[in-house]
Amino acid sequence: MVGANGFMRLQPLERARVAMAVLLDGGDAPLYLLNDGVRGQQLREAADELLSMELDIRFPFVGTMLRLALEEAS
């Protein structure tokens, strides 16, 4: 499995944004996240990391990471 080190280094709300983008937009997520004027490159790279995972691993992993990021942010 490909690592998600860049994704895990993001702040909780950034992880939540990336996770939501990957879950909702799939392969288009990196392009949308790149539009962030401040951290677009890091967000795109994190989305690419998640998208490189096998599909049967990606969905449960990203869903869990979204839940944990939201819990951490609240």
Protein backbone atom coordinates (compact mmCIF):
# COMPACT_ATOMS: atom_id res chain seq x y z
CA MET A 1 0.00 0.00 0.00
CA VAL A 2 1.22 3.48 -0.82
CA GLY A 3 1.77 5.70 2.22
CA ALA A 4 -0.24 8.75 3.16
CA ASN A 5 2.48 10.68 4.97
CA GLY A 6 1.77 13.97 3.21
CA PHE A 7 -1.92 13.63 3.93
CA MET A 8 -1.29 12.90 7.62
CA ARG A 9 0.94 15.98 7.96
CA LEU A 10 -1.96 18.29 7.03
CA GLN A 11 -3.99 20.15 9.63
CA PRO A 12 -7.27 18.44 10.62
CA LEU A 13 -9.54 20.68 8.54
CA GLU A 14 -7.23 20.33 5.54
CA ARG A 15 -7.33 16.54 5.92
CA ALA A 16 -11.12 16.73 6.04
CA ARG A 17 -11.19 18.85 2.86
CA VAL A 18 -8.92 16.45 1.01
CA ALA A 19 -10.84 13.40 2.20
CA MET A 20 -14.18 14.92 1.15
CA ALA A 21 -12.78 15.88 -2.23
CA VAL A 22 -11.43 12.38 -2.84
CA LEU A 23 -14.67 10.74 -1.73
CA LEU A 24 -16.90 13.05 -3.76
CA ASP A 25 -14.79 13.99 -6.78
CA GLY A 26 -12.50 10.98 -7.16
CA GLY A 27 -9.82 11.53 -9.77
CA ASP A 28 -10.80 15.19 -10.24
CA ALA A 29 -10.06 16.05 -6.59
CA PRO A 30 -6.40 17.08 -7.16
CA LEU A 31 -7.44 19.61 -9.80
CA TYR A 32 -10.06 21.18 -7.55
CA LEU A 33 -7.77 21.28 -4.53
CA LEU A 34 -4.98 22.87 -6.55
CA ASN A 35 -7.17 25.98 -6.81
CA ASP A 36 -6.56 26.76 -3.13
CA GLY A 37 -4.45 29.91 -3.28
CA VAL A 38 -2.47 29.19 -0.13
CA ARG A 39 -1.85 25.42 0.13
CA GLY A 40 -3.12 24.11 -3.18
CA GLN A 41 0.03 22.21 -4.06
CA GLN A 42 0.15 20.37 -0.71
CA LEU A 43 -3.57 19.55 -0.89
CA ARG A 44 -3.18 18.24 -4.45
CA GLU A 45 -0.25 16.06 -3.45
CA ALA A 46 -2.20 14.66 -0.49
CA ALA A 47 -5.14 13.84 -2.77
CA ASP A 48 -2.79 12.13 -5.22
CA GLU A 49 -1.45 10.00 -2.37
CA LEU A 50 -4.94 8.86 -1.44
CA LEU A 51 -5.93 8.24 -5.05
CA SER A 52 -2.90 6.00 -5.53
CA MET A 53 -4.36 3.51 -3.04
CA GLU A 54 -6.26 0.48 -4.24
CA LEU A 55 -9.96 1.29 -4.45
CA ASP A 56 -11.02 -1.37 -1.93
CA ILE A 57 -8.61 0.15 0.62
CA ARG A 58 -9.07 3.80 -0.32
CA PHE A 59 -12.77 4.17 0.52
CA PRO A 60 -12.69 2.78 4.06
CA PHE A 61 -9.37 4.49 4.81
CA VAL A 62 -10.47 7.90 3.55
CA GLY A 63 -13.83 7.60 5.30
CA THR A 64 -12.11 6.82 8.58
CA MET A 65 -9.61 9.64 8.09
CA LEU A 66 -12.46 12.08 7.41
CA ARG A 67 -14.22 11.08 10.62
CA LEU A 68 -11.02 11.34 12.67
CA ALA A 69 -10.10 14.73 11.17
CA LEU A 70 -13.54 16.13 11.99
CA GLU A 71 -13.36 14.78 15.53
CA GLU A 72 -9.91 16.30 15.97
CA ALA A 73 -11.05 19.66 14.59
CA SER A 74 -14.05 19.95 16.91
